[in-house]
Amino acid sequence: MKSIERRFRGIKEKNPNYSSYLCFAEAVSKQKFSKQTIQRWFNRLVDKDDYAKSEKRETVDFLAKLSNSREDDKKQE
């Protein structure tokens, strides 16, 4: 089973200068996580100072799209 938290911690360890948001985005990228799963772990792992509260919904929507994107999608455009 894929674990967002495990991937997040690994990325954070290798890149200590990255923000928690950037590590989270990298952890979910192309991993096919559901929006609900992304939202749950986003709330637990991403520092509240790393995003605007007023844009939280849009941020989670973007991460869900990022998670479900594929290399093939970019080639088709």
PDB file of N, CA and C in Angstrom:
ATOM      1  N   MET A   1       0.842  -1.195   0.000  1.00  0.00           N
ATOM      2  CA  MET A   1       0.000   0.000   0.000  1.00  0.00           C
ATOM      3  C   MET A   1       0.878   1.247   0.000  1.00  0.00           C
ATOM      4  N   LYS A   2       0.493   2.201  -0.828  1.00  0.00           N
ATOM      5  CA  LYS A   2       1.218   3.460  -0.886  1.00  0.00           C
ATOM      6  C   LYS A   2       0.868   4.293   0.338  1.00  0.00           C
ATOM      7  N   SER A   3       1.837   4.957   0.867  1.00  0.00           N
ATOM      8  CA  SER A   3       1.584   5.786   2.028  1.00  0.00           C
ATOM      9  C   SER A   3       2.062   7.206   1.755  1.00  0.00           C
ATOM     10  N   ILE A   4       1.142   8.136   1.812  1.00  0.00           N
ATOM     11  CA  ILE A   4       1.524   9.533   1.614  1.00  0.00           C
ATOM     12  C   ILE A   4       2.506   9.953   2.700  1.00  0.00           C
ATOM     13  N   GLU A   5       2.221   9.560   3.920  1.00  0.00           N
ATOM     14  CA  GLU A   5       3.090   9.977   5.025  1.00  0.00           C
ATOM     15  C   GLU A   5       4.514   9.438   4.845  1.00  0.00           C
ATOM     16  N   ARG A   6       4.647   8.190   4.457  1.00  0.00           N
ATOM     17  CA  ARG A   6       5.971   7.596   4.259  1.00  0.00           C
ATOM     18  C   ARG A   6       6.719   8.311   3.137  1.00  0.00           C
ATOM     19  N   ARG A   7       6.033   8.553   2.032  1.00  0.00           N
ATOM     20  CA  ARG A   7       6.657   9.260   0.906  1.00  0.00           C
ATOM     21  C   ARG A   7       7.031  10.691   1.315  1.00  0.00           C
ATOM     22  N   PHE A   8       6.129  11.363   2.025  1.00  0.00           N
ATOM     23  CA  PHE A   8       6.355  12.729   2.488  1.00  0.00           C
ATOM     24  C   PHE A   8       7.605  12.803   3.365  1.00  0.00           C
ATOM     25  N   ARG A   9       7.697  11.911   4.334  1.00  0.00           N
ATOM     26  CA  ARG A   9       8.838  11.917   5.262  1.00  0.00           C
ATOM     27  C   ARG A   9      10.158  11.656   4.530  1.00  0.00           C
ATOM     28  N   GLY A  10      10.137  10.753   3.560  1.00  0.00           N
ATOM     29  CA  GLY A  10      11.336  10.466   2.775  1.00  0.00           C
ATOM     30  C   GLY A  10      11.794  11.673   1.975  1.00  0.00           C
ATOM     31  N   ILE A  11      10.854  12.362   1.354  1.00  0.00           N
ATOM     32  CA  ILE A  11      11.173  13.551   0.564  1.00  0.00           C
ATOM     33  C   ILE A  11      11.683  14.657   1.478  1.00  0.00           C
ATOM     34  N   LYS A  12      11.030  14.838   2.622  1.00  0.00           N
ATOM     35  CA  LYS A  12      11.426  15.867   3.586  1.00  0.00           C
ATOM     36  C   LYS A  12      12.852  15.608   4.101  1.00  0.00           C
ATOM     37  N   GLU A  13      13.168  14.340   4.334  1.00  0.00           N
ATOM     38  CA  GLU A  13      14.499  13.982   4.829  1.00  0.00           C
ATOM     39  C   GLU A  13      15.584  14.267   3.785  1.00  0.00           C
ATOM     40  N   LYS A  14      15.294  13.967   2.527  1.00  0.00           N
ATOM     41  CA  LYS A  14      16.266  14.185   1.451  1.00  0.00           C
ATOM     42  C   LYS A  14      16.389  15.654   1.071  1.00  0.00           C
ATOM     43  N   ASN A  15      15.343  16.443   1.350  1.00  0.00           N
ATOM     44  CA  ASN A  15      15.303  17.857   0.950  1.00  0.00           C
ATOM     45  C   ASN A  15      14.882  18.724   2.130  1.00  0.00           C
ATOM     46  N   PRO A  16      15.747  18.907   3.111  1.00  0.00           N
ATOM     47  CA  PRO A  16      15.356  19.626   4.333  1.00  0.00           C
ATOM     48  C   PRO A  16      14.982  21.093   4.101  1.00  0.00           C
ATOM     49  N   ASN A  17      15.377  21.661   2.984  1.00  0.00           N
ATOM     50  CA  ASN A  17      15.058  23.066   2.709  1.00  0.00           C
ATOM     51  C   ASN A  17      13.709  23.250   2.012  1.00  0.00           C
ATOM     52  N   TYR A  18      13.069  22.160   1.617  1.00  0.00           N
ATOM     53  CA  TYR A  18      11.760  22.244   0.967  1.00  0.00           C
ATOM     54  C   TYR A  18      10.691  22.574   2.009  1.00  0.00           C
ATOM     55  N   SER A  19       9.673  23.302   1.584  1.00  0.00           N
ATOM     56  CA  SER A  19       8.528  23.557   2.469  1.00  0.00           C
ATOM     57  C   SER A  19       7.712  22.275   2.592  1.00  0.00           C
ATOM     58  N   SER A  20       6.881  22.213   3.605  1.00  0.00           N
ATOM     59  CA  SER A  20       6.046  21.024   3.785  1.00  0.00           C
ATOM     60  C   SER A  20       5.070  20.874   2.612  1.00  0.00           C
ATOM     61  N   TYR A  21       4.604  21.998   2.061  1.00  0.00           N
ATOM     62  CA  TYR A  21       3.692  21.937   0.913  1.00  0.00           C
ATOM     63  C   TYR A  21       4.392  21.309  -0.299  1.00  0.00           C
ATOM     64  N   LEU A  22       5.607  21.728  -0.571  1.00  0.00           N
ATOM     65  CA  LEU A  22       6.339  21.205  -1.717  1.00  0.00           C
ATOM     66  C   LEU A  22       6.616  19.708  -1.543  1.00  0.00           C
ATOM     67  N   CYS A  23       6.985  19.294  -0.346  1.00  0.00           N
ATOM     68  CA  CYS A  23       7.202  17.871  -0.073  1.00  0.00           C
ATOM     69  C   CYS A  23       5.914  17.083  -0.266  1.00  0.00           C
ATOM     70  N   PHE A  24       4.805  17.640   0.183  1.00  0.00           N
ATOM     71  CA  PHE A  24       3.513  16.963   0.046  1.00  0.00           C
ATOM     72  C   PHE A  24       3.130  16.844  -1.430  1.00  0.00           C
ATOM     73  N   ALA A  25       3.318  17.916  -2.190  1.00  0.00           N
ATOM     74  CA  ALA A  25       2.993  17.881  -3.619  1.00  0.00           C
ATOM     75  C   ALA A  25       3.824  16.818  -4.325  1.00  0.00           C
ATOM     76  N   GLU A  26       5.087  16.731  -3.996  1.00  0.00           N
ATOM     77  CA  GLU A  26       5.953  15.714  -4.586  1.00  0.00           C
ATOM     78  C   GLU A  26       5.498  14.306  -4.174  1.00  0.00           C
ATOM     79  N   ALA A  27       5.062  14.158  -2.929  1.00  0.00           N
ATOM     80  CA  ALA A  27       4.634  12.852  -2.420  1.00  0.00           C
ATOM     81  C   ALA A  27       3.378  12.334  -3.120  1.00  0.00           C
ATOM     82  N   VAL A  28       2.472  13.215  -3.518  1.00  0.00           N
ATOM     83  CA  VAL A  28       1.224  12.766  -4.133  1.00  0.00           C
ATOM     84  C   VAL A  28       1.280  12.758  -5.658  1.00  0.00           C
ATOM     85  N   SER A  29       2.272  13.394  -6.226  1.00  0.00           N
ATOM     86  CA  SER A  29       2.364  13.534  -7.677  1.00  0.00           C
ATOM     87  C   SER A  29       2.334  12.177  -8.386  1.00  0.00           C
ATOM     88  N   LYS A  30       1.382  12.010  -9.305  1.00  0.00           N
ATOM     89  CA  LYS A  30       1.216  10.830 -10.156  1.00  0.00           C
ATOM     90  C   LYS A  30       1.031   9.530  -9.375  1.00  0.00           C
ATOM     91  N   GLN A  31       0.462   9.599  -8.166  1.00  0.00           N
ATOM     92  CA  GLN A  31       0.294   8.404  -7.339  1.00  0.00           C
ATOM     93  C   GLN A  31      -1.143   7.902  -7.275  1.00  0.00           C
ATOM     94  N   LYS A  32      -2.061   8.597  -7.908  1.00  0.00           N
ATOM     95  CA  LYS A  32      -3.472   8.170  -7.997  1.00  0.00           C
ATOM     96  C   LYS A  32      -4.160   8.065  -6.630  1.00  0.00           C
ATOM     97  N   PHE A  33      -3.891   9.018  -5.746  1.00  0.00           N
ATOM     98  CA  PHE A  33      -4.589   9.069  -4.460  1.00  0.00           C
ATOM     99  C   PHE A  33      -5.931   9.768  -4.652  1.00  0.00           C
ATOM    100  N   SER A  34      -6.926   9.373  -3.884  1.00  0.00           N
ATOM    101  CA  SER A  34      -8.234  10.012  -3.963  1.00  0.00           C
ATOM    102  C   SER A  34      -8.161  11.404  -3.334  1.00  0.00           C
ATOM    103  N   LYS A  35      -9.095  12.251  -3.717  1.00  0.00           N
ATOM    104  CA  LYS A  35      -9.139  13.599  -3.156  1.00  0.00           C
ATOM    105  C   LYS A  35      -9.345  13.547  -1.649  1.00  0.00           C
ATOM    106  N   GLN A  36     -10.162  12.641  -1.187  1.00  0.00           N
ATOM    107  CA  GLN A  36     -10.431  12.503   0.249  1.00  0.00           C
ATOM    108  C   GLN A  36      -9.149  12.131   1.009  1.00  0.00           C
ATOM    109  N   THR A  37      -8.386  11.218   0.471  1.00  0.00           N
ATOM    110  CA  THR A  37      -7.123  10.813   1.095  1.00  0.00           C
ATOM    111  C   THR A  37      -6.140  11.973   1.108  1.00  0.00           C
ATOM    112  N   ILE A  38      -6.053  12.681   0.003  1.00  0.00           N
ATOM    113  CA  ILE A  38      -5.151  13.823  -0.087  1.00  0.00           C
ATOM    114  C   ILE A  38      -5.543  14.878   0.938  1.00  0.00           C
ATOM    115  N   GLN A  39      -6.827  15.161   1.034  1.00  0.00           N
ATOM    116  CA  GLN A  39      -7.280  16.184   1.977  1.00  0.00           C
ATOM    117  C   GLN A  39      -6.978  15.789   3.420  1.00  0.00           C
ATOM    118  N   ARG A  40      -7.193  14.546   3.764  1.00  0.00           N
ATOM    119  CA  ARG A  40      -6.939  14.067   5.127  1.00  0.00           C
ATOM    120  C   ARG A  40      -5.454  14.239   5.487  1.00  0.00           C
ATOM    121  N   TRP A  41      -4.572  13.798   4.601  1.00  0.00           N
ATOM    122  CA  TRP A  41      -3.141  13.885   4.893  1.00  0.00           C
ATOM    123  C   TRP A  41      -2.613  15.305   4.738  1.00  0.00           C
ATOM    124  N   PHE A  42      -3.208  16.092   3.876  1.00  0.00           N
ATOM    125  CA  PHE A  42      -2.826  17.501   3.748  1.00  0.00           C
ATOM    126  C   PHE A  42      -3.016  18.197   5.092  1.00  0.00           C
ATOM    127  N   ASN A  43      -4.146  17.959   5.732  1.00  0.00           N
ATOM    128  CA  ASN A  43      -4.435  18.572   7.024  1.00  0.00           C
ATOM    129  C   ASN A  43      -3.448  18.143   8.103  1.00  0.00           C
ATOM    130  N   ARG A  44      -2.957  16.930   8.008  1.00  0.00           N
ATOM    131  CA  ARG A  44      -2.034  16.406   9.022  1.00  0.00           C
ATOM    132  C   ARG A  44      -0.579  16.797   8.787  1.00  0.00           C
ATOM    133  N   LEU A  45      -0.170  16.892   7.527  1.00  0.00           N
ATOM    134  CA  LEU A  45       1.255  17.021   7.233  1.00  0.00           C
ATOM    135  C   LEU A  45       1.729  18.416   6.826  1.00  0.00           C
ATOM    136  N   VAL A  46       0.871  19.190   6.199  1.00  0.00           N
ATOM    137  CA  VAL A  46       1.309  20.483   5.667  1.00  0.00           C
ATOM    138  C   VAL A  46       1.143  21.579   6.721  1.00  0.00           C
ATOM    139  N   ASP A  47       2.225  22.324   6.942  1.00  0.00           N
ATOM    140  CA  ASP A  47       2.187  23.435   7.896  1.00  0.00           C
ATOM    141  C   ASP A  47       1.171  24.473   7.440  1.00  0.00           C
ATOM    142  N   LYS A  48       0.409  24.995   8.371  1.00  0.00           N
ATOM    143  CA  LYS A  48      -0.625  25.984   8.042  1.00  0.00           C
ATOM    144  C   LYS A  48      -0.026  27.278   7.486  1.00  0.00           C
ATOM    145  N   ASP A  49       1.234  27.536   7.775  1.00  0.00           N
ATOM    146  CA  ASP A  49       1.901  28.736   7.254  1.00  0.00           C
ATOM    147  C   ASP A  49       2.332  28.586   5.796  1.00  0.00           C
ATOM    148  N   ASP A  50       2.231  27.379   5.242  1.00  0.00           N
ATOM    149  CA  ASP A  50       2.687  27.123   3.880  1.00  0.00           C
ATOM    150  C   ASP A  50       1.617  27.339   2.812  1.00  0.00           C
ATOM    151  N   TYR A  51       0.416  27.722   3.214  1.00  0.00           N
ATOM    152  CA  TYR A  51      -0.651  27.978   2.241  1.00  0.00           C
ATOM    153  C   TYR A  51      -1.620  28.997   2.825  1.00  0.00           C
ATOM    154  N   ALA A  52      -2.361  29.651   1.941  1.00  0.00           N
ATOM    155  CA  ALA A  52      -3.363  30.629   2.370  1.00  0.00           C
ATOM    156  C   ALA A  52      -4.648  29.884   2.728  1.00  0.00           C
ATOM    157  N   LYS A  53      -5.170  30.128   3.918  1.00  0.00           N
ATOM    158  CA  LYS A  53      -6.396  29.446   4.347  1.00  0.00           C
ATOM    159  C   LYS A  53      -7.538  29.687   3.374  1.00  0.00           C
ATOM    160  N   SER A  54      -7.599  30.884   2.822  1.00  0.00           N
ATOM    161  CA  SER A  54      -8.680  31.217   1.893  1.00  0.00           C
ATOM    162  C   SER A  54      -8.589  30.423   0.588  1.00  0.00           C
ATOM    163  N   GLU A  55      -7.436  29.825   0.301  1.00  0.00           N
ATOM    164  CA  GLU A  55      -7.239  29.072  -0.939  1.00  0.00           C
ATOM    165  C   GLU A  55      -7.071  27.573  -0.696  1.00  0.00           C
ATOM    166  N   LYS A  56      -7.435  27.116   0.470  1.00  0.00           N
ATOM    167  CA  LYS A  56      -7.225  25.715   0.818  1.00  0.00           C
ATOM    168  C   LYS A  56      -7.973  24.769  -0.126  1.00  0.00           C
ATOM    169  N   ARG A  57      -9.226  25.071  -0.418  1.00  0.00           N
ATOM    170  CA  ARG A  57     -10.013  24.202  -1.300  1.00  0.00           C
ATOM    171  C   ARG A  57      -9.373  24.094  -2.685  1.00  0.00           C
ATOM    172  N   GLU A  58      -8.955  25.222  -3.241  1.00  0.00           N
ATOM    173  CA  GLU A  58      -8.313  25.217  -4.551  1.00  0.00           C
ATOM    174  C   GLU A  58      -6.979  24.472  -4.508  1.00  0.00           C
ATOM    175  N   THR A  59      -6.270  24.616  -3.408  1.00  0.00           N
ATOM    176  CA  THR A  59      -4.982  23.940  -3.250  1.00  0.00           C
ATOM    177  C   THR A  59      -5.165  22.428  -3.228  1.00  0.00           C
ATOM    178  N   VAL A  60      -6.145  21.946  -2.490  1.00  0.00           N
ATOM    179  CA  VAL A  60      -6.410  20.505  -2.426  1.00  0.00           C
ATOM    180  C   VAL A  60      -6.900  20.004  -3.782  1.00  0.00           C
ATOM    181  N   ASP A  61      -7.723  20.764  -4.471  1.00  0.00           N
ATOM    182  CA  ASP A  61      -8.179  20.384  -5.813  1.00  0.00           C
ATOM    183  C   ASP A  61      -6.995  20.238  -6.765  1.00  0.00           C
ATOM    184  N   PHE A  62      -6.059  21.189  -6.691  1.00  0.00           N
ATOM    185  CA  PHE A  62      -4.865  21.130  -7.534  1.00  0.00           C
ATOM    186  C   PHE A  62      -4.047  19.879  -7.219  1.00  0.00           C
ATOM    187  N   LEU A  63      -3.872  19.580  -5.937  1.00  0.00           N
ATOM    188  CA  LEU A  63      -3.091  18.404  -5.546  1.00  0.00           C
ATOM    189  C   LEU A  63      -3.762  17.112  -6.007  1.00  0.00           C
ATOM    190  N   ALA A  64      -5.091  17.075  -5.998  1.00  0.00           N
ATOM    191  CA  ALA A  64      -5.815  15.895  -6.487  1.00  0.00           C
ATOM    192  C   ALA A  64      -5.574  15.713  -7.985  1.00  0.00           C
ATOM    193  N   LYS A  65      -5.571  16.803  -8.730  1.00  0.00           N
ATOM    194  CA  LYS A  65      -5.276  16.721 -10.165  1.00  0.00           C
ATOM    195  C   LYS A  65      -3.834  16.292 -10.397  1.00  0.00           C
ATOM    196  N   LEU A  66      -2.932  16.826  -9.602  1.00  0.00           N
ATOM    197  CA  LEU A  66      -1.516  16.471  -9.696  1.00  0.00           C
ATOM    198  C   LEU A  66      -1.324  14.987  -9.411  1.00  0.00           C
ATOM    199  N   SER A  67      -2.036  14.471  -8.443  1.00  0.00           N
ATOM    200  CA  SER A  67      -1.927  13.066  -8.073  1.00  0.00           C
ATOM    201  C   SER A  67      -2.427  12.155  -9.189  1.00  0.00           C
ATOM    202  N   ASN A  68      -3.417  12.596  -9.896  1.00  0.00           N
ATOM    203  CA  ASN A  68      -4.021  11.754 -10.928  1.00  0.00           C
ATOM    204  C   ASN A  68      -3.534  12.047 -12.336  1.00  0.00           C
ATOM    205  N   SER A  69      -2.548  12.926 -12.463  1.00  0.00           N
ATOM    206  CA  SER A  69      -1.984  13.219 -13.780  1.00  0.00           C
ATOM    207  C   SER A  69      -1.035  12.105 -14.186  1.00  0.00           C
ATOM    208  N   ARG A  70      -0.797  12.037 -15.489  1.00  0.00           N
ATOM    209  CA  ARG A  70       0.129  11.045 -16.015  1.00  0.00           C
ATOM    210  C   ARG A  70       1.005  11.708 -17.049  1.00  0.00           C
ATOM    211  N   GLU A  71       2.120  11.116 -17.355  1.00  0.00           N
ATOM    212  CA  GLU A  71       3.009  11.617 -18.405  1.00  0.00           C
ATOM    213  C   GLU A  71       2.271  11.632 -19.742  1.00  0.00           C
ATOM    214  N   ASP A  72       1.437  10.609 -19.995  1.00  0.00           N
ATOM    215  CA  ASP A  72       0.708  10.510 -21.252  1.00  0.00           C
ATOM    216  C   ASP A  72      -0.207  11.716 -21.467  1.00  0.00           C
ATOM    217  N   ASP A  73      -0.786  12.267 -20.382  1.00  0.00           N
ATOM    218  CA  ASP A  73      -1.671  13.422 -20.484  1.00  0.00           C
ATOM    219  C   ASP A  73      -0.923  14.626 -21.041  1.00  0.00           C
ATOM    220  N   LYS A  74       0.306  14.814 -20.639  1.00  0.00           N
ATOM    221  CA  LYS A  74       1.095  15.945 -21.115  1.00  0.00           C
ATOM    222  C   LYS A  74       1.423  15.801 -22.592  1.00  0.00           C
ATOM    223  N   LYS A  75       1.666  14.571 -23.060  1.00  0.00           N
ATOM    224  CA  LYS A  75       2.018  14.325 -24.449  1.00  0.00           C
ATOM    225  C   LYS A  75       0.826  14.581 -25.376  1.00  0.00           C
ATOM    226  N   GLN A  76      -0.401  14.352 -24.885  1.00  0.00           N
ATOM    227  CA  GLN A  76      -1.585  14.516 -25.701  1.00  0.00           C
ATOM    228  C   GLN A  76      -1.924  15.973 -25.941  1.00  0.00           C
ATOM    229  N   GLU A  77      -1.498  16.882 -25.078  1.00  0.00           N
ATOM    230  CA  GLU A  77      -1.849  18.298 -25.210  1.00  0.00           C
ATOM    231  C   GLU A  77      -1.091  18.983 -26.287  1.00  0.00           C
TER     232      GLU A  77
END
